[in-house]
C-alpha cells in the first residue's frame, strides 16, 4: 500500500514520525503542500514477466501520451528491476545517495513498489510508491530512492532532456540515517 512517513531531517532519522499515513488523499495533500505532485492512476496493462522496454512502453502508450502532452516531456523510458537483476545492488547504492536533478523527476509505477525520500525544508518525507502511483518531484529537490534489498518494480520515467536520468549528488550522508524500504513497510 502507498504509505507516507514524515520526520524531522535533524537528528536521528529513526525518531518518532511527525506523520504516518496510508490515506492517498492525505498523502497527496501533504506532498502538494510541499510542491510535490502525487496522484493515483489505474494500471490497465498487465505485463509479461519477460516484457522488454518496448513492450512496456507500448502497453502504457495512452498514459505516456497524456503525461507528455501535459508536461512537455520529450523522453520516456521504463525501468524494471527484479530480485535477480544483475545490477540491482549497484543501482540501489547509486539511487540511495542523496541527489538532485536539473529537471522534474516524474515517475509512474506500473508494477511493484519503491521508496522515494524527499529532503525538503527541514523534513524528510518518505513515500512508499506502489503500482498506480504517479509522482512528480520538482527540479532541485534533494532526494534519494530505495529499490529494496530484493527489488520488484517497474516505473515509467519522464524527462525534459534526451539524456534521461542525470543526477547531481549532494555528498550529504543523510540517507544513511533514515529507514529503508523494508523497515518502512514493516512499521506501516
Protein backbone atom coordinates (compact mmCIF):
# COMPACT_ATOMS: atom_id res chain seq x y z
CA UNK A 1 0.00 0.00 0.00
CA UNK A 2 1.10 3.57 -0.63
CA UNK A 3 2.47 5.00 2.58
CA UNK A 4 3.90 8.34 3.77
CA UNK A 5 6.14 8.96 6.78
CA UNK A 6 7.30 12.49 7.63
CA UNK A 7 10.19 13.03 10.02
CA UNK A 8 12.39 15.93 11.02
CA UNK A 9 15.60 15.98 8.98
CA UNK A 10 17.52 16.98 12.11
CA UNK A 11 18.85 14.31 14.45
CA UNK A 12 18.08 10.61 14.30
CA UNK A 13 16.12 9.53 11.24
CA UNK A 14 14.56 6.78 13.35
CA UNK A 15 12.89 9.21 15.76
CA UNK A 16 9.11 9.18 16.08
CA UNK A 17 7.46 10.41 12.88
CA UNK A 18 5.63 13.71 12.70
CA UNK A 19 3.08 11.98 10.45
CA UNK A 20 2.42 8.46 9.20
CA UNK A 21 -0.44 7.71 6.79
CA UNK A 22 -1.69 5.36 4.08
CA UNK A 23 -4.58 7.67 3.13
CA UNK A 24 -3.97 8.58 -0.54
CA UNK A 25 -5.86 11.90 -0.27
CA UNK A 26 -3.86 12.95 2.79
CA UNK A 27 -0.63 11.88 1.09
CA UNK A 28 -1.48 13.96 -1.98
CA UNK A 29 -2.31 17.00 0.21
CA UNK A 30 0.85 16.74 2.32
CA UNK A 31 3.09 16.30 -0.73
CA UNK A 32 1.23 19.01 -2.64
CA UNK A 33 1.76 21.47 0.21
CA UNK A 34 5.49 20.95 -0.38
CA UNK A 35 5.32 21.29 -4.17
CA UNK A 36 5.32 17.56 -4.98
CA UNK A 37 2.56 16.21 -7.23
CA UNK A 38 1.06 12.84 -6.32
CA UNK A 39 -1.82 11.02 -7.96
CA UNK A 40 -3.26 7.50 -8.06
CA UNK A 41 -3.93 6.13 -11.56
CA UNK A 42 -5.33 2.90 -12.90
CA UNK A 43 -2.83 0.42 -14.30
CA UNK A 44 -4.82 -1.27 -17.06
CA UNK A 45 -1.99 -3.27 -18.60
CA UNK A 46 -0.63 -6.50 -17.16
CA UNK A 47 2.98 -7.02 -18.17
CA UNK A 48 4.53 -10.33 -19.12
CA UNK A 49 7.43 -11.40 -16.91
CA UNK A 50 9.80 -11.05 -19.86
CA UNK A 51 8.38 -7.75 -21.19
CA UNK A 52 11.16 -5.57 -22.55
CA UNK A 53 11.19 -1.78 -22.61
CA UNK A 54 9.39 -1.60 -25.98
CA UNK A 55 6.58 -3.84 -24.73
CA UNK A 56 6.22 -1.85 -21.50
CA UNK A 57 6.08 1.46 -23.36
CA UNK A 58 3.55 0.05 -25.84
CA UNK A 59 1.35 -1.27 -23.02
CA UNK A 60 1.18 2.21 -21.47
CA UNK A 61 1.14 4.29 -24.66
CA UNK A 62 -2.06 6.16 -23.70
CA UNK A 63 -0.73 7.15 -20.26
CA UNK A 64 2.62 8.16 -21.77
CA UNK A 65 0.93 10.35 -24.38
CA UNK A 66 -1.16 12.06 -21.68
CA UNK A 67 1.85 12.83 -19.45
CA UNK A 68 3.95 14.02 -22.38
CA UNK A 69 1.16 16.31 -23.58
CA UNK A 70 0.63 17.78 -20.09
CA UNK A 71 4.27 18.24 -19.16
CA UNK A 72 6.09 18.54 -22.44
CA UNK A 73 8.39 15.65 -21.58
CA UNK A 74 10.46 14.72 -24.63
CA UNK A 75 11.83 11.40 -23.43
CA UNK A 76 10.29 8.43 -21.62
CA UNK A 77 11.74 5.10 -20.64
CA UNK A 78 10.87 2.20 -18.39
CA UNK A 79 12.99 0.94 -15.54
CA UNK A 80 12.23 -2.57 -14.35
CA UNK A 81 14.17 -4.20 -11.55
CA UNK A 82 13.55 -7.64 -10.17
CA UNK A 83 15.30 -9.52 -7.38
CA UNK A 84 17.54 -11.30 -9.90
CA UNK A 85 18.60 -8.22 -11.90
CA UNK A 86 22.40 -8.42 -12.27
CA UNK A 87 22.90 -4.71 -11.44
CA UNK A 88 20.39 -4.47 -8.58
CA UNK A 89 22.98 -3.82 -5.83
CA UNK A 90 24.91 -1.20 -7.81
CA UNK A 91 21.70 0.57 -8.84
CA UNK A 92 20.39 0.53 -5.28
CA UNK A 93 23.62 2.03 -3.97
CA UNK A 94 23.57 4.79 -6.60
CA UNK A 95 19.92 5.71 -6.01
CA UNK A 96 20.41 5.70 -2.20
CA UNK A 97 22.84 8.62 -2.36
CA UNK A 98 21.09 11.95 -1.90
CA UNK A 99 20.93 13.84 -5.19
CA UNK A 100 19.04 16.42 -7.20
CA UNK A 101 18.07 16.76 -10.85
CA UNK A 102 18.02 19.84 -13.08
CA UNK A 103 14.53 18.81 -14.19
CA UNK A 104 11.44 17.40 -12.51
CA UNK A 105 11.63 13.71 -11.61
CA UNK A 106 8.36 12.20 -12.85
CA UNK A 107 7.54 8.53 -12.29
CA UNK A 108 4.52 6.32 -12.83
CA UNK A 109 4.74 2.95 -11.06
CA UNK A 110 3.18 0.24 -13.20
CA UNK A 111 4.34 -2.69 -11.03
CA UNK A 112 5.71 -3.29 -7.56
CA UNK A 113 6.96 -0.59 -5.22
CA UNK A 114 9.88 1.62 -4.20
CA UNK A 115 10.65 4.27 -1.59
CA UNK A 116 11.12 7.94 -2.51
CA UNK A 117 12.74 10.00 0.26
CA UNK A 118 12.41 13.77 -0.17
CA UNK A 119 14.57 16.15 1.88
CA UNK A 120 12.53 19.37 1.92
CA UNK A 121 12.94 22.33 4.29
CA UNK A 122 13.99 20.52 7.44
CA UNK A 123 11.85 17.44 6.84
CA UNK A 124 12.30 14.05 5.23
CA UNK A 125 9.18 12.72 3.56
CA UNK A 126 9.39 9.00 2.85
CA UNK A 127 6.84 7.88 0.28
CA UNK A 128 6.33 4.20 -0.49
CA UNK A 129 5.13 4.37 -4.10
CA UNK A 130 3.41 1.31 -5.50
CA UNK A 131 1.59 0.19 -8.61
CA UNK A 132 -0.71 3.00 -9.74
CA UNK A 133 1.21 5.84 -8.06
CA UNK A 134 2.30 8.85 -10.13
CA UNK A 135 4.76 11.25 -8.51
CA UNK A 136 6.28 14.49 -9.77
CA UNK A 137 9.26 15.73 -7.74
CA UNK A 138 10.26 19.32 -8.62
CA UNK A 139 13.68 20.04 -10.12
CA UNK A 140 16.31 20.77 -7.48
CA UNK A 141 14.58 18.77 -4.72
CA UNK A 142 17.08 16.83 -2.63
CA UNK A 143 16.06 13.17 -2.51
CA UNK A 144 17.06 9.52 -2.72
CA UNK A 145 15.29 6.34 -3.75
CA UNK A 146 15.36 2.83 -2.30
CA UNK A 147 14.63 -0.11 -4.57
CA UNK A 148 14.68 -2.51 -1.62
CA UNK A 149 17.08 -5.40 -1.00
CA UNK A 150 15.01 -7.59 -3.33
CA UNK A 151 13.70 -5.03 -5.84
CA UNK A 152 10.44 -5.65 -7.61
CA UNK A 153 9.13 -2.68 -9.54
CA UNK A 154 8.59 -1.18 -12.95
CA UNK A 155 8.19 2.55 -13.43
CA UNK A 156 7.82 4.82 -16.41
CA UNK A 157 10.29 7.72 -16.22
CA UNK A 158 9.62 11.03 -17.97
CA UNK A 159 12.37 13.51 -18.89
CA UNK A 160 12.67 17.01 -20.37
CA UNK A 161 16.07 16.15 -21.82
CA UNK A 162 17.19 13.42 -24.18
CA UNK A 163 19.95 12.23 -21.80
CA UNK A 164 17.48 10.58 -19.39
CA UNK A 165 18.41 10.16 -15.72
CA UNK A 166 21.13 12.68 -14.81
CA UNK A 167 21.83 13.22 -11.11
CA UNK A 168 23.87 15.77 -9.18
CA UNK A 169 24.93 14.09 -5.93
CA UNK A 170 24.95 16.33 -2.85
CA UNK A 171 27.54 14.40 -0.82
CA UNK A 172 25.27 14.65 2.23
CA UNK A 173 25.16 11.30 4.09
CA UNK A 174 21.60 11.94 5.38
CA UNK A 175 20.16 8.94 3.53
CA UNK A 176 22.13 6.55 5.74
CA UNK A 177 20.30 7.91 8.82
CA UNK A 178 16.78 7.05 7.68
CA UNK A 179 14.87 3.76 7.45
CA UNK A 180 14.95 1.86 4.16
CA UNK A 181 12.02 0.40 2.26
CA UNK A 182 11.72 -2.85 4.25
CA UNK A 183 11.78 -1.04 7.59
CA UNK A 184 9.11 1.45 6.47
CA UNK A 185 6.90 -1.41 5.25
CA UNK A 186 7.35 -3.37 8.47
CA UNK A 187 6.20 -0.36 10.53
CA UNK A 188 3.24 0.50 8.27
